[in-house]
N, C-alpha and C. Protein backbone atom coordinates (compact mmCIF):
# COMPACT_ATOMS: atom_id res chain seq x y z
N UNK A 1 63.20 178.06 -185.00
CA UNK A 1 64.54 177.92 -184.44
C UNK A 1 64.49 178.29 -182.95
N UNK A 2 64.77 177.33 -182.06
CA UNK A 2 64.68 177.61 -180.63
C UNK A 2 65.80 178.54 -180.16
N UNK A 3 65.48 179.36 -179.18
CA UNK A 3 66.46 180.28 -178.60
C UNK A 3 67.23 179.54 -177.51
N UNK A 4 68.55 179.64 -177.58
CA UNK A 4 69.40 179.00 -176.58
C UNK A 4 69.26 179.75 -175.25
N UNK A 5 69.09 179.03 -174.15
CA UNK A 5 69.03 179.72 -172.86
C UNK A 5 70.38 180.32 -172.50
N UNK A 6 70.34 181.47 -171.87
CA UNK A 6 71.58 182.12 -171.45
C UNK A 6 72.08 181.38 -170.21
N UNK A 7 73.36 180.97 -170.22
CA UNK A 7 73.87 180.24 -169.06
C UNK A 7 73.85 181.13 -167.81
N UNK A 8 73.51 180.54 -166.69
CA UNK A 8 73.50 181.30 -165.45
C UNK A 8 74.93 181.66 -165.07
N UNK A 9 75.05 182.58 -164.14
CA UNK A 9 76.38 182.99 -163.68
C UNK A 9 77.10 181.80 -163.06
N UNK A 10 76.39 180.98 -162.31
CA UNK A 10 77.01 179.81 -161.69
C UNK A 10 77.48 178.82 -162.76
N UNK A 11 76.66 178.63 -163.81
CA UNK A 11 77.07 177.75 -164.91
C UNK A 11 78.35 178.27 -165.56
N UNK A 12 78.42 179.57 -165.74
CA UNK A 12 79.61 180.16 -166.36
C UNK A 12 80.83 180.05 -165.45
N UNK A 13 80.61 180.17 -164.13
CA UNK A 13 81.70 180.00 -163.18
C UNK A 13 82.24 178.57 -163.25
N UNK A 14 81.34 177.61 -163.26
CA UNK A 14 81.75 176.21 -163.34
C UNK A 14 82.53 175.96 -164.63
N UNK A 15 82.05 176.52 -165.73
CA UNK A 15 82.74 176.36 -167.01
C UNK A 15 84.14 176.96 -166.96
N UNK A 16 84.26 178.14 -166.34
CA UNK A 16 85.57 178.77 -166.22
C UNK A 16 86.55 177.89 -165.45
N UNK A 17 86.05 177.27 -164.38
CA UNK A 17 86.92 176.50 -163.51
C UNK A 17 87.23 175.11 -164.03
N UNK A 18 86.41 174.61 -164.96
CA UNK A 18 86.59 173.21 -165.38
C UNK A 18 86.92 173.01 -166.85
N UNK A 19 86.61 173.96 -167.71
CA UNK A 19 86.79 173.73 -169.14
C UNK A 19 88.26 173.70 -169.53
N UNK A 20 88.73 174.75 -170.10
CA UNK A 20 90.11 174.75 -170.59
C UNK A 20 91.06 175.25 -169.51
N UNK A 21 92.24 174.68 -169.43
CA UNK A 21 93.19 175.16 -168.42
C UNK A 21 93.67 176.57 -168.75
N UNK A 22 93.66 177.43 -167.76
CA UNK A 22 94.11 178.81 -167.92
C UNK A 22 95.22 179.09 -166.92
N UNK A 23 96.04 180.07 -167.23
CA UNK A 23 97.01 180.54 -166.25
C UNK A 23 96.23 181.06 -165.05
N UNK A 24 96.80 180.92 -163.88
CA UNK A 24 96.08 181.33 -162.67
C UNK A 24 95.71 182.81 -162.71
N UNK A 25 96.60 183.66 -163.21
CA UNK A 25 96.31 185.10 -163.26
C UNK A 25 95.17 185.39 -164.24
N UNK A 26 95.11 184.68 -165.37
CA UNK A 26 94.02 184.86 -166.34
C UNK A 26 92.70 184.41 -165.73
N UNK A 27 92.73 183.30 -165.04
CA UNK A 27 91.53 182.78 -164.39
C UNK A 27 91.04 183.76 -163.34
N UNK A 28 91.97 184.32 -162.56
CA UNK A 28 91.62 185.30 -161.53
C UNK A 28 90.91 186.50 -162.15
N UNK A 29 91.42 187.00 -163.27
CA UNK A 29 90.81 188.15 -163.93
C UNK A 29 89.41 187.82 -164.45
N UNK A 30 89.24 186.63 -165.02
CA UNK A 30 87.93 186.24 -165.55
C UNK A 30 86.91 186.03 -164.43
N UNK A 31 87.34 185.44 -163.33
CA UNK A 31 86.43 185.25 -162.20
C UNK A 31 86.10 186.61 -161.57
N UNK A 32 87.07 187.51 -161.53
CA UNK A 32 86.82 188.87 -161.03
C UNK A 32 85.76 189.58 -161.86
N UNK A 33 85.87 189.45 -163.18
CA UNK A 33 84.89 190.06 -164.08
C UNK A 33 83.51 189.44 -163.87
N UNK A 34 83.48 188.15 -163.64
CA UNK A 34 82.21 187.46 -163.39
C UNK A 34 81.58 187.95 -162.10
N UNK A 35 82.38 188.18 -161.07
CA UNK A 35 81.86 188.72 -159.81
C UNK A 35 81.30 190.11 -160.01
N UNK A 36 82.00 190.96 -160.75
CA UNK A 36 81.50 192.31 -161.03
C UNK A 36 80.17 192.24 -161.77
N UNK A 37 80.08 191.34 -162.72
CA UNK A 37 78.84 191.17 -163.47
C UNK A 37 77.71 190.70 -162.56
N UNK A 38 78.01 189.77 -161.66
CA UNK A 38 77.00 189.26 -160.73
C UNK A 38 76.48 190.38 -159.84
N UNK A 39 77.38 191.23 -159.39
CA UNK A 39 76.97 192.36 -158.54
C UNK A 39 76.11 193.33 -159.35
N UNK A 40 76.54 193.65 -160.58
CA UNK A 40 75.77 194.55 -161.45
C UNK A 40 74.37 194.02 -161.73
N UNK A 41 74.26 192.70 -161.90
CA UNK A 41 72.97 192.09 -162.22
C UNK A 41 72.12 191.82 -160.99
N UNK A 42 72.65 192.12 -159.82
CA UNK A 42 71.89 191.90 -158.60
C UNK A 42 71.75 190.44 -158.21
N UNK A 43 72.79 189.65 -158.47
CA UNK A 43 72.75 188.23 -158.12
C UNK A 43 72.58 188.07 -156.62
N UNK A 44 71.97 186.95 -156.22
CA UNK A 44 71.73 186.72 -154.80
C UNK A 44 73.04 186.50 -154.05
N UNK A 45 72.95 186.59 -152.73
CA UNK A 45 74.14 186.49 -151.88
C UNK A 45 74.85 185.14 -152.03
N UNK A 46 74.10 184.07 -152.17
CA UNK A 46 74.70 182.74 -152.31
C UNK A 46 75.56 182.66 -153.58
N UNK A 47 75.08 183.24 -154.67
CA UNK A 47 75.84 183.26 -155.92
C UNK A 47 77.11 184.09 -155.76
N UNK A 48 76.96 185.27 -155.17
CA UNK A 48 78.14 186.14 -154.97
C UNK A 48 79.16 185.47 -154.05
N UNK A 49 78.69 184.76 -153.02
CA UNK A 49 79.59 184.05 -152.11
C UNK A 49 80.35 182.95 -152.85
N UNK A 50 79.67 182.23 -153.71
CA UNK A 50 80.32 181.17 -154.49
C UNK A 50 81.41 181.74 -155.39
N UNK A 51 81.12 182.86 -156.02
CA UNK A 51 82.12 183.48 -156.90
C UNK A 51 83.29 184.00 -156.08
N UNK A 52 83.01 184.61 -154.91
CA UNK A 52 84.10 185.09 -154.06
C UNK A 52 85.00 183.94 -153.61
N UNK A 53 84.41 182.80 -153.31
CA UNK A 53 85.20 181.63 -152.92
C UNK A 53 86.11 181.19 -154.07
N UNK A 54 85.56 181.16 -155.28
CA UNK A 54 86.36 180.80 -156.45
C UNK A 54 87.47 181.83 -156.66
N UNK A 55 87.15 183.08 -156.42
CA UNK A 55 88.13 184.14 -156.58
C UNK A 55 89.30 183.94 -155.62
N UNK A 56 88.99 183.57 -154.38
CA UNK A 56 90.05 183.34 -153.40
C UNK A 56 90.93 182.16 -153.81
N UNK A 57 90.34 181.15 -154.43
CA UNK A 57 91.10 179.99 -154.86
C UNK A 57 91.99 180.28 -156.07
N UNK A 58 91.59 181.24 -156.88
CA UNK A 58 92.33 181.52 -158.11
C UNK A 58 93.30 182.68 -157.97
N UNK A 59 93.30 183.34 -156.82
CA UNK A 59 94.17 184.50 -156.65
C UNK A 59 95.63 184.11 -156.79
N UNK A 60 96.36 184.83 -157.66
CA UNK A 60 97.79 184.53 -157.78
C UNK A 60 98.48 184.92 -156.49
N UNK A 61 99.05 183.95 -155.80
CA UNK A 61 99.60 184.24 -154.47
C UNK A 61 101.12 184.24 -154.42
N UNK A 62 101.74 183.49 -155.26
CA UNK A 62 103.20 183.39 -155.20
C UNK A 62 103.83 184.08 -156.40
N UNK A 63 103.96 185.38 -156.29
CA UNK A 63 104.61 186.12 -157.36
C UNK A 63 106.11 186.05 -157.15
N UNK A 64 106.81 185.68 -158.18
CA UNK A 64 108.26 185.63 -158.08
C UNK A 64 108.85 186.46 -159.21
N UNK A 65 109.92 187.12 -158.90
CA UNK A 65 110.61 187.95 -159.87
C UNK A 65 112.07 187.52 -159.91
N UNK A 66 112.61 187.42 -161.10
CA UNK A 66 114.03 187.11 -161.21
C UNK A 66 114.82 188.39 -161.01
N UNK A 67 116.05 188.25 -160.62
CA UNK A 67 116.91 189.42 -160.44
C UNK A 67 117.04 190.18 -161.76
N UNK A 68 117.11 189.46 -162.85
CA UNK A 68 117.24 190.10 -164.17
C UNK A 68 116.01 190.95 -164.48
N UNK A 69 114.82 190.45 -164.13
CA UNK A 69 113.59 191.20 -164.39
C UNK A 69 113.55 192.48 -163.56
N UNK A 70 113.93 192.38 -162.30
CA UNK A 70 113.95 193.56 -161.44
C UNK A 70 114.96 194.58 -161.96
N UNK A 71 116.14 194.12 -162.32
CA UNK A 71 117.16 195.03 -162.85
C UNK A 71 116.69 195.72 -164.12
N UNK A 72 116.00 194.99 -164.98
CA UNK A 72 115.50 195.58 -166.23
C UNK A 72 114.47 196.67 -165.94
N UNK A 73 113.59 196.42 -164.98
CA UNK A 73 112.56 197.42 -164.66
C UNK A 73 113.18 198.65 -164.00
N UNK A 74 114.14 198.42 -163.10
CA UNK A 74 114.81 199.56 -162.46
C UNK A 74 115.54 200.38 -163.52
N UNK A 75 116.18 199.71 -164.46
CA UNK A 75 116.90 200.42 -165.53
C UNK A 75 115.94 201.29 -166.35
N UNK A 76 114.75 200.76 -166.65
CA UNK A 76 113.75 201.54 -167.40
C UNK A 76 113.32 202.77 -166.63
N UNK A 77 113.11 202.62 -165.32
CA UNK A 77 112.72 203.76 -164.50
C UNK A 77 113.84 204.80 -164.49
N UNK A 78 115.08 204.35 -164.30
CA UNK A 78 116.21 205.28 -164.29
C UNK A 78 116.31 206.03 -165.62
N UNK A 79 116.13 205.32 -166.72
CA UNK A 79 116.18 205.96 -168.04
C UNK A 79 115.07 207.00 -168.20
N UNK A 80 113.87 206.67 -167.75
CA UNK A 80 112.76 207.62 -167.87
C UNK A 80 113.00 208.86 -167.03
N UNK A 81 113.63 208.68 -165.88
CA UNK A 81 113.92 209.82 -165.01
C UNK A 81 115.22 210.53 -165.39
N UNK A 82 115.93 209.97 -166.38
CA UNK A 82 117.21 210.52 -166.83
C UNK A 82 118.20 210.62 -165.67
N UNK A 83 118.29 209.51 -164.90
CA UNK A 83 119.21 209.44 -163.77
C UNK A 83 120.13 208.24 -163.96
N UNK A 84 121.23 208.24 -163.20
CA UNK A 84 122.23 207.19 -163.33
C UNK A 84 122.07 206.07 -162.30
N UNK A 85 121.46 206.39 -161.15
CA UNK A 85 121.35 205.38 -160.09
C UNK A 85 120.09 205.62 -159.26
N UNK A 86 119.81 204.70 -158.34
CA UNK A 86 118.59 204.79 -157.54
C UNK A 86 118.59 206.00 -156.62
N UNK A 87 119.75 206.39 -156.12
CA UNK A 87 119.83 207.56 -155.24
C UNK A 87 119.40 208.82 -156.00
N UNK A 88 119.90 208.99 -157.22
CA UNK A 88 119.49 210.14 -158.03
C UNK A 88 117.99 210.08 -158.33
N UNK A 89 117.50 208.90 -158.60
CA UNK A 89 116.07 208.74 -158.89
C UNK A 89 115.23 209.13 -157.68
N UNK A 90 115.68 208.76 -156.48
CA UNK A 90 114.96 209.12 -155.25
C UNK A 90 114.96 210.63 -155.05
N UNK A 91 116.07 211.29 -155.37
CA UNK A 91 116.15 212.74 -155.24
C UNK A 91 115.17 213.41 -156.22
N UNK A 92 115.15 212.95 -157.46
CA UNK A 92 114.23 213.49 -158.46
C UNK A 92 112.78 213.27 -158.00
N UNK A 93 112.48 212.10 -157.52
CA UNK A 93 111.12 211.80 -157.05
C UNK A 93 110.75 212.73 -155.91
N UNK A 94 111.65 212.92 -154.96
CA UNK A 94 111.39 213.79 -153.82
C UNK A 94 111.15 215.23 -154.29
N UNK A 95 111.93 215.69 -155.25
CA UNK A 95 111.78 217.04 -155.78
C UNK A 95 110.42 217.23 -156.46
N UNK A 96 109.85 216.15 -156.94
CA UNK A 96 108.55 216.22 -157.61
C UNK A 96 107.39 215.86 -156.69
N UNK A 97 107.66 215.81 -155.39
CA UNK A 97 106.58 215.60 -154.43
C UNK A 97 106.24 214.17 -154.11
N UNK A 98 107.01 213.21 -154.61
CA UNK A 98 106.73 211.81 -154.30
C UNK A 98 107.27 211.53 -152.92
N UNK A 99 106.44 210.93 -152.08
CA UNK A 99 106.84 210.58 -150.73
C UNK A 99 106.78 209.08 -150.55
N UNK A 100 107.54 208.53 -149.64
CA UNK A 100 107.55 207.09 -149.41
C UNK A 100 106.26 206.66 -148.72
N UNK A 101 105.91 205.39 -148.88
CA UNK A 101 104.73 204.85 -148.24
C UNK A 101 104.86 204.93 -146.72
N UNK A 102 106.08 204.80 -146.22
CA UNK A 102 106.32 204.85 -144.76
C UNK A 102 105.99 206.23 -144.20
N UNK A 103 106.28 207.29 -144.95
CA UNK A 103 106.01 208.64 -144.43
C UNK A 103 104.52 208.97 -144.50
N UNK A 104 103.76 208.27 -145.34
CA UNK A 104 102.32 208.50 -145.46
C UNK A 104 101.58 207.81 -144.33
N UNK A 105 102.05 206.64 -143.93
CA UNK A 105 101.34 205.82 -142.93
C UNK A 105 101.37 206.40 -141.56
């Protein structure tokens, strides 16, 4: 019984990009994992460059959120903090040492 050859990283990249249609975010995650594997296995620079190019093409770039989704997430945060509004939540966060990104920069 012959042993099947292990597909190269490039072969697997091509299969990812051409076989079954995937959501862009799923494809991005799979290509990211393939890049990590290539680095771990010591793949040559040309292979890593090809995977990075594919990664750039698959990166989810247009994230959109509906107002309803944002409101639902804010409501969950308010409930977890046991607050009624965003101002109270900010006060609780400040009391627990959370600082804004602007004050860190």
